[in-house]
């Protein structure tokens, strides 16, 4: 029996919403309370669990829950309450209810560290409060666990549970991996361009511009497919035009799940270029790895993205910018067999660490809401 509290309406496309959705699917008698109503009407994906939108007062970006309506359903329920950070309103409400309901069980999910002085100040206060109240904290990688411990949380407070793919998503990836094995051909150095794919919201912090510039620097050895949409798309399309890279870079826009995995099946490498710790995991990496496609993420402090896709054959990308990425890509164009080796290692890593069966076992072993 579980209640989850988060800012956005799940399942959505962000990592927090997708994580909350999978938890609710895994636990029976689950409910989710949100501080934001669905952005699309009607709801594009009806679900089996209950979802409630709390009445709120908006002050700038802050959302303050009001003690009316569905608020009381949240407060009066005896179910375990699990809150998803970094939302300050979620943290405040969980701590308030813990003080008011000392016999109720609580936990929190630390998804990512955020940058900026205001975020750092909030996170410092949040960590002190979590240590004081001795709340169990779930995070998504050993990298983030060590960062939380270094900032004052006790080791026994922090548990690790990686993100996962949905059951339909894993099935699509498995089928795609089988198709890739059937269609795979011997690698010939210098024959066909290496196909790179980027997946995600087209926003500035994703640094798709670095990938475009790196592909332009390495032409004609690479092609780039960009899946997703967002506020940065027009600027990125202009950049492709300026670089005369139209024949090497294609924008595919938002795709259905089936079409997304079809595009992954045609890729040789996924690149996650986000340059800050807001991107702390990268579920798109799991999608690629489950298909047998290696993933390359920029190494960032306080982010587990590089840990997710780390396999022995993949070079480490630790120099931000297009030049740093281009240096890594040139190792593949010089020896494309590295990608074939990394592809099998990526699939093995997914099966051994991240597959849904293991995720479900690990979720239940945490003892949350039992």
Protein backbone atom coordinates (compact mmCIF):
# COMPACT_ATOMS: atom_id res chain seq x y z
CA UNK A 1 0.00 0.00 0.00
CA UNK A 2 1.62 3.19 -1.20
CA UNK A 3 0.94 6.87 -1.83
CA UNK A 4 3.40 8.89 -3.90
CA UNK A 5 3.66 12.67 -3.95
CA UNK A 6 5.34 14.51 -6.81
CA UNK A 7 5.21 17.79 -8.68
CA UNK A 8 4.10 16.66 -12.15
CA UNK A 9 1.27 14.47 -13.38
CA UNK A 10 2.49 10.96 -14.28
CA UNK A 11 3.34 9.03 -16.31
CA UNK A 12 4.61 11.90 -18.48
CA UNK A 13 7.97 11.91 -20.25
CA UNK A 14 10.35 12.99 -17.47
CA UNK A 15 12.35 10.60 -15.33
CA UNK A 16 10.53 11.53 -12.09
CA UNK A 17 7.08 10.93 -13.56
CA UNK A 18 8.12 7.69 -15.24
CA UNK A 19 9.68 6.41 -12.01
CA UNK A 20 6.54 7.22 -10.01
CA UNK A 21 4.41 5.53 -12.67
CA UNK A 22 6.42 2.30 -12.53
CA UNK A 23 6.30 2.24 -8.74
CA UNK A 24 2.54 2.64 -8.83
CA UNK A 25 2.26 -0.15 -11.41
CA UNK A 26 4.38 -2.44 -9.24
CA UNK A 27 2.52 -1.86 -5.95
CA UNK A 28 -1.11 -2.80 -5.46
CA UNK A 29 -3.48 -0.26 -3.87
CA UNK A 30 -1.36 2.68 -5.00
CA UNK A 31 -2.33 6.33 -5.37
CA UNK A 32 -0.41 9.33 -6.71
CA UNK A 33 -0.90 12.95 -5.64
CA UNK A 34 0.52 15.74 -7.80
CA UNK A 35 1.03 19.49 -7.58
CA UNK A 36 0.28 19.97 -11.29
CA UNK A 37 -2.70 18.88 -13.35
CA UNK A 38 -2.23 16.96 -16.63
CA UNK A 39 -0.91 19.17 -19.43
CA UNK A 40 -2.79 17.22 -22.09
CA UNK A 41 -6.54 16.62 -22.12
CA UNK A 42 -7.95 14.03 -22.40
CA UNK A 43 -5.37 11.99 -20.51
CA UNK A 44 -3.30 10.20 -23.18
CA UNK A 45 -2.60 7.17 -21.00
CA UNK A 46 -5.28 6.00 -18.56
CA UNK A 47 -3.78 3.98 -15.71
CA UNK A 48 -5.02 1.50 -13.12
CA UNK A 49 -3.94 3.47 -10.05
CA UNK A 50 -5.61 6.56 -8.61
CA UNK A 51 -4.27 10.04 -9.44
CA UNK A 52 -5.23 13.20 -7.61
CA UNK A 53 -4.27 16.80 -8.17
CA UNK A 54 -3.79 18.82 -4.99
CA UNK A 55 -5.19 22.35 -4.84
CA UNK A 56 -2.26 24.75 -4.74
CA UNK A 57 -1.26 28.38 -4.36
CA UNK A 58 1.34 29.50 -6.92
CA UNK A 59 4.06 31.94 -5.88
CA UNK A 60 6.47 32.33 -8.80
CA UNK A 61 7.67 28.77 -9.46
CA UNK A 62 6.77 27.57 -5.97
CA UNK A 63 3.57 25.54 -5.52
CA UNK A 64 2.08 25.50 -2.02
CA UNK A 65 -0.55 22.82 -1.26
CA UNK A 66 -3.78 24.20 0.20
CA UNK A 67 -5.67 22.34 2.98
CA UNK A 68 -8.84 21.77 0.95
CA UNK A 69 -10.30 19.04 -1.25
CA UNK A 70 -7.98 16.14 -2.08
CA UNK A 71 -5.40 17.47 0.39
CA UNK A 72 -7.31 15.78 3.20
CA UNK A 73 -7.40 12.46 1.36
CA UNK A 74 -3.61 12.58 1.30
CA UNK A 75 -3.33 13.60 4.96
CA UNK A 76 -5.83 11.12 6.39
CA UNK A 77 -4.63 8.05 4.53
CA UNK A 78 -2.65 5.53 6.64
CA UNK A 79 -0.63 4.38 3.61
CA UNK A 80 3.14 4.79 3.35
CA UNK A 81 3.93 8.18 1.79
CA UNK A 82 6.83 8.40 -0.65
CA UNK A 83 7.78 11.86 -1.93
CA UNK A 84 9.79 12.68 -5.05
CA UNK A 85 12.37 15.46 -4.83
CA UNK A 86 13.73 18.01 -5.78
CA UNK A 87 10.35 19.79 -5.35
CA UNK A 88 10.49 22.00 -2.19
CA UNK A 89 6.71 21.72 -1.76
CA UNK A 90 6.93 17.93 -1.71
CA UNK A 91 9.72 18.03 0.89
CA UNK A 92 7.81 20.50 3.07
CA UNK A 93 4.61 18.47 2.98
CA UNK A 94 6.31 15.15 3.76
CA UNK A 95 8.20 16.64 6.70
CA UNK A 96 5.07 18.36 8.01
CA UNK A 97 3.06 15.14 7.86
CA UNK A 98 5.87 13.21 9.52
CA UNK A 99 5.70 15.63 12.45
CA UNK A 100 1.89 15.41 12.60
CA UNK A 101 1.70 11.63 12.04
CA UNK A 102 4.71 10.08 13.80
CA UNK A 103 3.33 6.54 13.44
CA UNK A 104 2.95 6.78 9.68
CA UNK A 105 5.83 5.56 7.49
CA UNK A 106 7.58 7.94 5.07
CA UNK A 107 10.41 7.96 2.55
CA UNK A 108 11.79 10.28 -0.12
CA UNK A 109 13.28 9.86 -3.60
CA UNK A 110 16.37 11.96 -4.43
CA UNK A 111 16.39 12.05 -8.23
CA UNK A 112 19.06 14.63 -8.95
CA UNK A 113 21.24 17.44 -7.68
CA UNK A 114 20.42 20.81 -9.23
CA UNK A 115 22.74 23.66 -10.10
CA UNK A 116 22.45 27.36 -9.29
CA UNK A 117 22.91 29.15 -5.98
CA UNK A 118 19.21 29.01 -5.02
CA UNK A 119 19.04 25.28 -5.72
CA UNK A 120 22.25 24.64 -3.79
CA UNK A 121 20.89 26.56 -0.80
CA UNK A 122 17.63 24.59 -0.91
CA UNK A 123 19.47 21.28 -1.23
CA UNK A 124 21.73 22.09 1.72
CA UNK A 125 18.69 22.77 3.90
CA UNK A 126 16.90 19.68 2.55
CA UNK A 127 19.82 17.38 3.37
CA UNK A 128 20.11 18.74 6.90
CA UNK A 129 16.39 18.16 7.43
CA UNK A 130 16.56 14.63 6.02
CA UNK A 131 19.44 13.76 8.33
CA UNK A 132 17.65 15.28 11.30
CA UNK A 133 14.39 13.43 10.61
CA UNK A 134 16.26 10.20 9.71
CA UNK A 135 14.10 9.58 6.66
CA UNK A 136 14.91 6.76 4.27
CA UNK A 137 16.15 8.20 0.97
CA UNK A 138 16.03 6.30 -2.32
CA UNK A 139 18.36 7.41 -5.10
CA UNK A 140 19.10 6.12 -8.58
CA UNK A 141 22.80 5.21 -8.64
CA UNK A 142 25.80 4.49 -6.39
CA UNK A 143 27.27 7.79 -7.63
CA UNK A 144 24.37 9.79 -6.16
CA UNK A 145 24.43 7.70 -2.98
CA UNK A 146 28.07 8.61 -2.38
CA UNK A 147 27.31 12.28 -3.12
CA UNK A 148 24.49 12.26 -0.56
CA UNK A 149 26.68 10.60 2.06
CA UNK A 150 29.45 13.13 1.37
CA UNK A 151 26.93 15.88 2.11
CA UNK A 152 25.96 14.52 5.49
CA UNK A 153 23.39 11.75 5.10
CA UNK A 154 24.10 8.53 6.97
CA UNK A 155 25.02 5.55 4.80
CA UNK A 156 22.21 3.44 6.26
CA UNK A 157 19.69 6.15 5.29
CA UNK A 158 20.40 5.93 1.57
CA UNK A 159 19.24 3.05 -0.64
CA UNK A 160 19.87 2.65 -4.36
CA UNK A 161 17.26 1.65 -6.91
CA UNK A 162 18.02 2.37 -10.56
CA UNK A 163 15.33 3.51 -12.98
CA UNK A 164 13.67 0.95 -15.23
CA UNK A 165 11.84 0.54 -18.52
CA UNK A 166 8.13 -0.13 -18.69
CA UNK A 167 7.09 -3.70 -19.45
CA UNK A 168 5.91 -2.75 -22.99
CA UNK A 169 9.09 -0.74 -23.55
CA UNK A 170 11.30 -3.64 -22.53
CA UNK A 171 9.36 -5.97 -24.82
CA UNK A 172 9.82 -3.59 -27.76
CA UNK A 173 13.54 -3.33 -26.98
CA UNK A 174 13.89 -7.11 -26.75
CA UNK A 175 12.25 -7.58 -30.15
CA UNK A 176 14.47 -4.88 -31.62
CA UNK A 177 17.59 -6.57 -30.22
CA UNK A 178 16.58 -9.85 -31.85
CA UNK A 179 16.02 -8.06 -35.16
CA UNK A 180 19.43 -6.40 -34.89
CA UNK A 181 21.10 -9.78 -34.40
CA UNK A 182 19.34 -11.20 -37.44
CA UNK A 183 20.18 -8.21 -39.64
CA UNK A 184 23.70 -7.58 -38.38
CA UNK A 185 26.45 -7.67 -40.99
CA UNK A 186 30.25 -7.82 -40.69
CA UNK A 187 31.83 -4.45 -39.96
CA UNK A 188 33.90 -3.00 -42.79
CA UNK A 189 36.13 -0.13 -41.75
CA UNK A 190 35.33 2.98 -43.76
CA UNK A 191 32.22 1.52 -45.41
CA UNK A 192 28.97 3.07 -44.11
CA UNK A 193 28.58 6.09 -41.80
CA UNK A 194 28.08 5.37 -38.11
CA UNK A 195 24.53 6.24 -37.04
CA UNK A 196 24.20 8.31 -33.87
CA UNK A 197 20.87 8.98 -32.18
CA UNK A 198 19.90 11.56 -29.52
CA UNK A 199 16.60 11.20 -27.63
CA UNK A 200 14.99 13.77 -25.36
CA UNK A 201 13.38 17.14 -24.95
CA UNK A 202 15.15 19.70 -27.11
CA UNK A 203 16.22 22.11 -24.39
CA UNK A 204 19.45 24.02 -23.99
CA UNK A 205 20.87 21.90 -21.14
CA UNK A 206 20.67 18.76 -23.31
CA UNK A 207 23.51 20.24 -25.46
CA UNK A 208 22.36 18.69 -28.72
CA UNK A 209 24.31 21.55 -30.33
CA UNK A 210 27.53 19.87 -29.20
CA UNK A 211 26.50 16.65 -30.94
CA UNK A 212 25.61 18.50 -34.16
CA UNK A 213 28.94 20.33 -34.15
CA UNK A 214 30.85 17.13 -33.40
CA UNK A 215 29.16 15.31 -36.28
CA UNK A 216 29.99 18.26 -38.56
CA UNK A 217 33.63 18.05 -37.45
CA UNK A 218 33.73 14.33 -38.16
CA UNK A 219 31.88 14.30 -41.47
CA UNK A 220 31.33 12.14 -43.49
CA UNK A 221 31.86 9.32 -41.00
CA UNK A 222 28.73 9.91 -38.90
CA UNK A 223 25.02 10.58 -39.30
CA UNK A 224 22.77 11.96 -36.57
CA UNK A 225 19.06 11.35 -35.90
CA UNK A 226 17.46 13.63 -33.27
CA UNK A 227 14.27 12.32 -31.63
CA UNK A 228 12.15 14.75 -29.63
CA UNK A 229 10.89 18.30 -29.65
CA UNK A 230 11.17 21.37 -27.48
CA UNK A 231 11.99 25.08 -27.22
CA UNK A 232 15.52 24.69 -28.62
CA UNK A 233 14.48 23.03 -31.88
CA UNK A 234 14.46 26.16 -34.08
CA UNK A 235 17.95 27.15 -32.92
CA UNK A 236 19.25 23.63 -33.53
CA UNK A 237 17.73 23.48 -37.00
CA UNK A 238 19.38 26.81 -37.80
CA UNK A 239 22.70 25.43 -36.54
CA UNK A 240 22.40 22.40 -38.84
CA UNK A 241 21.71 24.72 -41.75
CA UNK A 242 24.66 26.98 -40.88
CA UNK A 243 26.97 23.96 -40.72
CA UNK A 244 25.65 22.71 -44.10
CA UNK A 245 24.98 19.45 -42.29
CA UNK A 246 21.44 18.78 -43.53
CA UNK A 247 22.49 15.52 -45.16
CA UNK A 248 24.13 14.34 -41.91
CA UNK A 249 21.58 15.52 -39.31
CA UNK A 250 17.86 14.76 -39.32
CA UNK A 251 15.14 15.91 -36.90
CA UNK A 252 12.54 13.17 -36.40
CA UNK A 253 10.39 15.06 -33.86
CA UNK A 254 8.27 13.27 -31.28
CA UNK A 255 7.75 9.62 -32.13
CA UNK A 256 5.49 6.89 -30.84
CA UNK A 257 7.15 4.28 -28.64
CA UNK A 258 7.19 1.78 -31.50
CA UNK A 259 8.73 4.30 -33.91
CA UNK A 260 11.29 5.38 -31.31
CA UNK A 261 12.50 1.82 -30.79
CA UNK A 262 12.53 1.30 -34.55
CA UNK A 263 14.87 4.29 -34.84
CA UNK A 264 17.03 2.90 -32.03
CA UNK A 265 17.24 -0.38 -33.88
CA UNK A 266 18.89 1.42 -36.80
CA UNK A 267 21.40 3.26 -34.58
CA UNK A 268 24.98 2.35 -33.72
CA UNK A 269 25.39 4.73 -30.77
CA UNK A 270 23.22 6.85 -28.48
CA UNK A 271 24.75 10.09 -27.19
CA UNK A 272 23.58 11.83 -24.01
CA UNK A 273 25.30 15.21 -24.05
CA UNK A 274 23.72 16.96 -21.05
CA UNK A 275 26.41 19.04 -19.36
CA UNK A 276 25.02 19.33 -15.86
CA UNK A 277 23.78 17.13 -13.04
CA UNK A 278 20.09 17.84 -13.76
CA UNK A 279 20.41 14.77 -16.01
CA UNK A 280 21.28 12.28 -13.28
CA UNK A 281 20.40 8.97 -14.94
CA UNK A 282 19.14 9.02 -18.52
CA UNK A 283 16.38 6.47 -19.11
CA UNK A 284 17.03 6.79 -22.86
CA UNK A 285 20.32 5.02 -22.15
CA UNK A 286 18.40 2.03 -20.79
CA UNK A 287 16.24 2.00 -23.91
CA UNK A 288 19.34 1.93 -26.09
CA UNK A 289 21.19 -0.68 -24.02
CA UNK A 290 18.16 -2.98 -24.00
CA UNK A 291 18.19 -2.81 -27.81
CA UNK A 292 21.89 -3.66 -27.87
CA UNK A 293 22.96 -0.09 -28.68
CA UNK A 294 25.85 1.33 -26.62
CA UNK A 295 25.37 4.72 -24.99
CA UNK A 296 27.85 7.53 -24.44
CA UNK A 297 27.23 10.14 -21.72
CA UNK A 298 29.32 13.13 -20.73
CA UNK A 299 30.90 12.58 -17.32
CA UNK A 300 29.45 15.20 -14.93
CA UNK A 301 29.96 15.62 -11.17
CA UNK A 302 26.98 14.48 -9.06
CA UNK A 303 25.42 12.62 -11.98
CA UNK A 304 25.09 8.87 -12.48
CA UNK A 305 24.65 9.08 -16.26
CA UNK A 306 28.13 7.80 -17.09
CA UNK A 307 27.76 5.01 -14.52
CA UNK A 308 24.57 3.80 -16.22
CA UNK A 309 26.15 3.10 -19.60
CA UNK A 310 29.72 2.39 -18.52
CA UNK A 311 31.13 -0.67 -20.32
CA UNK A 312 34.81 -1.63 -20.81
CA UNK A 313 34.96 -0.94 -24.56
CA UNK A 314 33.52 2.58 -24.37
CA UNK A 315 35.94 5.50 -24.02
CA UNK A 316 35.19 8.05 -21.30
CA UNK A 317 33.87 11.40 -22.51
CA UNK A 318 35.02 13.86 -19.85
CA UNK A 319 35.84 16.95 -21.91
CA UNK A 320 32.71 19.12 -22.39
CA UNK A 321 32.07 20.56 -25.82
CA UNK A 322 31.95 19.46 -29.43
CA UNK A 323 35.73 19.03 -29.72
CA UNK A 324 35.80 16.62 -26.78
CA UNK A 325 32.95 14.61 -28.23
CA UNK A 326 34.53 14.62 -31.69
CA UNK A 327 37.72 13.14 -30.22
CA UNK A 328 35.71 10.26 -28.77
CA UNK A 329 33.76 9.72 -31.99
CA UNK A 330 36.97 9.52 -33.99
CA UNK A 331 38.01 6.46 -31.99
CA UNK A 332 34.94 4.69 -33.40
CA UNK A 333 35.50 5.81 -36.98
CA UNK A 334 39.11 4.61 -36.70
CA UNK A 335 37.97 1.20 -35.41
CA UNK A 336 34.21 0.56 -35.88
CA UNK A 337 34.61 -2.91 -34.35
CA UNK A 338 34.72 -1.18 -30.96
CA UNK A 339 31.01 -0.38 -31.36
CA UNK A 340 30.16 -4.01 -32.05
CA UNK A 341 31.98 -5.08 -28.90
CA UNK A 342 30.43 -2.26 -26.87
CA UNK A 343 26.97 -3.19 -28.19
CA UNK A 344 27.14 -6.68 -26.68
CA UNK A 345 28.59 -5.33 -23.46
CA UNK A 346 25.76 -2.77 -23.24
CA UNK A 347 23.12 -5.47 -23.69
CA UNK A 348 24.80 -7.66 -21.06
CA UNK A 349 24.96 -4.73 -18.63
CA UNK A 350 21.28 -4.04 -19.12
CA UNK A 351 20.33 -7.69 -18.56
CA UNK A 352 22.55 -8.04 -15.49
CA UNK A 353 21.79 -4.74 -13.75
CA UNK A 354 18.70 -2.98 -15.09
CA UNK A 355 16.21 -5.48 -16.53
CA UNK A 356 12.67 -5.20 -15.23
CA UNK A 357 12.69 -8.56 -13.45
CA UNK A 358 15.68 -7.52 -11.34
CA UNK A 359 14.21 -4.05 -10.79
CA UNK A 360 10.99 -5.52 -9.38
CA UNK A 361 12.94 -7.79 -7.04
CA UNK A 362 15.07 -4.88 -5.84
CA UNK A 363 12.03 -2.63 -5.35
CA UNK A 364 10.34 -5.14 -3.09
CA UNK A 365 13.58 -5.83 -1.21
CA UNK A 366 13.76 -2.17 -0.16
CA UNK A 367 10.94 -2.82 2.30
CA UNK A 368 9.06 0.34 1.30
CA UNK A 369 5.32 0.15 1.98
CA UNK A 370 5.47 -3.49 3.03
